[in-house]
Amino acid sequence: RRRRGDDMGLEAIAAQVRSGDVTNREAMAAQRYWPALFNDPDFRRRRDAPDQNRMLNYGYAALRAAVGRALCAAGLHPSLGVHHRDRTNPWCLADDLMEPYRPLIDEETAEIVASIGGDIALDGEVKAQIVGALHGRIEHEGESRTVMDWIGRSASSMAQAFLGERRQLLLPEGLWR
């Protein structure tokens, strides 16, 4: 919405996603989201493609590691997921908690692509810019904190929810800068 002025029907699709996504709504949304994000009607999310997919992969790996550390600090085990379940994935819970933070990596990557292009080297400067998204600040309920701090607070709120001390996760509004 921030980049194009409208959500292209993504909110309506998101409202239709049900447990297990048997109607494949997430894939339908992705077919709209990725081309719109990069202003490229041919863009597809392919993990091994030599374009901005490399930047997304790098950013998601950094985000996943940050979330994993925060979960451990909150006393949780990152492999015991809620929605993500796979015996071979040691990061299921981290994958669950990182979902709301992914747009920060998406937006940072889109900004790089808009200014430099998608077919660039994933060098130290580009990596630093992508990871910089995790050090940016987000305002929520009158507090300005870094994304890393919000991730830690989200992980702590998850631990509190598992203990029955809280009903909802703490997720800051405005994850989409």
Protein backbone atom coordinates (compact mmCIF):
# COMPACT_ATOMS: atom_id res chain seq x y z
CA ARG A 1 0.00 0.00 0.00
CA ARG A 2 2.78 2.43 0.93
CA ARG A 3 4.62 1.93 -2.35
CA ARG A 4 1.61 1.91 -4.72
CA GLY A 5 -1.13 3.81 -2.92
CA ASP A 6 -3.51 0.84 -2.73
CA ASP A 7 -3.29 -2.71 -1.47
CA MET A 8 -4.33 -4.31 -4.78
CA GLY A 9 -6.89 -6.45 -2.96
CA LEU A 10 -4.30 -8.07 -0.69
CA GLU A 11 -6.21 -7.33 2.52
CA ALA A 12 -9.31 -9.03 1.12
CA ILE A 13 -7.26 -12.08 0.14
CA ALA A 14 -5.57 -12.14 3.56
CA ALA A 15 -8.99 -12.15 5.24
CA GLN A 16 -9.84 -15.32 3.28
CA VAL A 17 -6.80 -17.33 4.44
CA ARG A 18 -7.85 -20.20 6.68
CA SER A 19 -5.89 -22.75 8.65
CA GLY A 20 -3.93 -24.91 6.25
CA ASP A 21 -4.69 -22.45 3.41
CA VAL A 22 -6.60 -25.14 1.47
CA THR A 23 -7.83 -22.50 -1.01
CA ASN A 24 -4.25 -21.39 -1.72
CA ARG A 25 -4.90 -17.72 -0.89
CA GLU A 26 -1.30 -17.07 0.17
CA ALA A 27 -0.04 -18.07 -3.28
CA MET A 28 -2.67 -15.85 -4.90
CA ALA A 29 -1.54 -12.92 -2.77
CA ALA A 30 2.13 -13.60 -3.59
CA GLN A 31 1.35 -13.42 -7.31
CA ARG A 32 0.18 -9.84 -6.75
CA TYR A 33 2.56 -8.81 -3.98
CA TRP A 34 5.99 -9.56 -5.45
CA PRO A 35 5.51 -7.94 -8.87
CA ALA A 36 3.95 -4.88 -7.20
CA LEU A 37 6.73 -4.59 -4.62
CA PHE A 38 9.45 -4.48 -7.25
CA ASN A 39 7.37 -2.75 -9.94
CA ASP A 40 8.16 -5.68 -12.21
CA PRO A 41 5.27 -7.74 -13.60
CA ASP A 42 7.63 -10.65 -14.33
CA PHE A 43 9.21 -10.90 -10.88
CA ARG A 44 8.74 -14.20 -9.07
CA ARG A 45 10.10 -15.32 -5.73
CA ARG A 46 12.67 -17.96 -6.65
CA ARG A 47 15.17 -18.65 -3.92
CA ASP A 48 18.02 -19.53 -6.29
CA ALA A 49 17.52 -16.70 -8.83
CA PRO A 50 20.52 -14.38 -9.32
CA ASP A 51 18.56 -11.15 -8.79
CA GLN A 52 16.97 -9.41 -5.80
CA ASN A 53 15.99 -12.85 -4.54
CA ARG A 54 19.56 -13.07 -3.18
CA MET A 55 19.00 -9.91 -1.17
CA LEU A 56 15.71 -11.25 0.20
CA ASN A 57 17.40 -14.55 1.14
CA TYR A 58 20.17 -12.72 2.96
CA GLY A 59 17.78 -10.39 4.77
CA TYR A 60 15.50 -13.22 5.85
CA ALA A 61 18.48 -15.20 7.16
CA ALA A 62 19.58 -12.22 9.24
CA LEU A 63 16.03 -11.67 10.49
CA ARG A 64 15.61 -15.35 11.32
CA ALA A 65 18.85 -15.33 13.33
CA ALA A 66 17.78 -12.20 15.23
CA VAL A 67 14.40 -13.74 16.04
CA GLY A 68 16.05 -17.03 17.06
CA ARG A 69 18.35 -15.20 19.49
CA ALA A 70 15.41 -13.26 20.93
CA LEU A 71 13.40 -16.45 21.42
CA CYS A 72 16.28 -18.11 23.25
CA ALA A 73 16.73 -15.01 25.41
CA ALA A 74 13.02 -15.23 26.27
CA GLY A 75 13.48 -18.85 27.36
CA LEU A 76 11.87 -20.43 24.30
CA HIS A 77 13.25 -23.06 21.96
CA PRO A 78 13.25 -21.84 18.34
CA SER A 79 12.54 -25.30 16.90
CA LEU A 80 9.16 -25.83 18.60
CA GLY A 81 6.84 -23.96 16.25
CA VAL A 82 3.17 -23.11 16.35
CA HIS A 83 2.31 -22.83 12.65
CA HIS A 84 5.59 -23.96 11.14
CA ARG A 85 6.17 -27.66 11.85
CA ASP A 86 8.92 -29.70 10.31
CA ARG A 87 11.15 -32.19 12.08
CA THR A 88 14.10 -31.17 9.93
CA ASN A 89 13.69 -27.42 10.60
CA PRO A 90 15.44 -26.26 13.77
CA TRP A 91 13.87 -22.78 13.39
CA CYS A 92 10.10 -23.41 13.30
CA LEU A 93 9.19 -20.97 16.09
CA ALA A 94 11.59 -18.38 14.69
CA ASP A 95 9.87 -18.79 11.32
CA ASP A 96 6.52 -18.19 13.04
CA LEU A 97 7.61 -15.02 14.84
CA MET A 98 9.58 -13.51 11.97
CA GLU A 99 6.55 -13.40 9.64
CA PRO A 100 5.24 -9.98 10.74
CA TYR A 101 8.75 -8.53 10.46
CA ARG A 102 9.41 -9.77 6.90
CA PRO A 103 7.99 -6.63 5.24
CA LEU A 104 10.89 -4.64 6.68
CA ILE A 105 13.33 -6.76 4.67
CA ASP A 106 11.04 -6.65 1.64
CA GLU A 107 10.86 -2.86 1.74
CA GLU A 108 14.60 -2.39 2.25
CA THR A 109 15.28 -4.72 -0.68
CA ALA A 110 12.74 -2.88 -2.84
CA GLU A 111 14.46 0.42 -2.04
CA ILE A 112 17.83 -1.01 -3.07
CA VAL A 113 16.36 -2.39 -6.29
CA ALA A 114 14.66 0.93 -7.09
CA SER A 115 17.88 2.90 -6.60
CA ILE A 116 20.59 0.49 -7.81
CA GLY A 117 18.85 -2.44 -9.52
CA GLY A 118 18.28 -6.08 -8.72
CA ASP A 119 21.20 -7.54 -10.64
CA ILE A 120 23.97 -6.28 -8.36
CA ALA A 121 26.63 -7.93 -6.26
CA LEU A 122 25.60 -8.89 -2.77
CA ASP A 123 28.61 -7.10 -1.32
CA GLY A 124 29.27 -5.76 2.16
CA GLU A 125 27.62 -2.42 1.45
CA VAL A 126 24.39 -4.02 0.20
CA LYS A 127 24.38 -6.50 3.09
CA ALA A 128 24.85 -3.67 5.58
CA GLN A 129 21.94 -1.76 4.06
CA ILE A 130 19.66 -4.81 4.25
CA VAL A 131 20.61 -5.60 7.85
CA GLY A 132 20.21 -1.90 8.61
CA ALA A 133 16.47 -2.48 8.39
CA LEU A 134 16.76 -4.39 11.69
CA HIS A 135 18.36 -1.38 13.36
CA GLY A 136 15.82 1.16 12.19
CA ARG A 137 13.32 2.61 14.61
CA ILE A 138 9.59 1.94 14.85
CA GLU A 139 7.09 4.02 16.80
CA HIS A 140 4.42 2.12 18.73
CA GLU A 141 2.15 3.51 21.43
CA GLY A 142 4.39 6.51 21.98
CA GLU A 143 7.62 4.50 22.17
CA SER A 144 10.40 4.66 19.61
CA ARG A 145 12.55 1.52 19.65
CA THR A 146 14.81 -0.30 17.25
CA VAL A 147 13.40 -3.24 15.31
CA MET A 148 15.80 -5.51 17.22
CA ASP A 149 14.32 -4.28 20.49
CA TRP A 150 10.76 -4.84 19.23
CA ILE A 151 11.73 -8.36 18.16
CA GLY A 152 12.97 -9.04 21.70
CA ARG A 153 9.78 -7.66 23.17
CA SER A 154 7.69 -9.75 20.77
CA ALA A 155 9.58 -12.88 21.80
CA SER A 156 9.08 -12.07 25.49
CA SER A 157 5.37 -11.52 24.90
CA MET A 158 5.22 -14.90 23.15
CA ALA A 159 6.74 -16.57 26.22
CA GLN A 160 4.19 -14.77 28.40
CA ALA A 161 1.38 -15.98 26.12
CA PHE A 162 2.58 -19.58 26.40
CA LEU A 163 2.57 -19.20 30.19
CA GLY A 164 -0.98 -17.83 30.12
CA GLU A 165 0.13 -14.42 31.37
CA ARG A 166 -0.86 -12.63 28.18
CA ARG A 167 -3.50 -13.13 25.48
CA GLN A 168 -1.81 -11.47 22.50
CA LEU A 169 1.67 -11.06 21.11
CA LEU A 170 3.20 -7.64 21.28
CA LEU A 171 3.75 -6.62 17.67
CA PRO A 172 4.41 -2.96 16.96
CA GLU A 173 2.17 -1.18 14.51
CA GLY A 174 4.00 0.19 11.53
CA LEU A 175 6.22 -2.78 10.74
CA TRP A 176 5.82 -1.55 7.18
CA ARG A 177 7.87 1.64 7.56
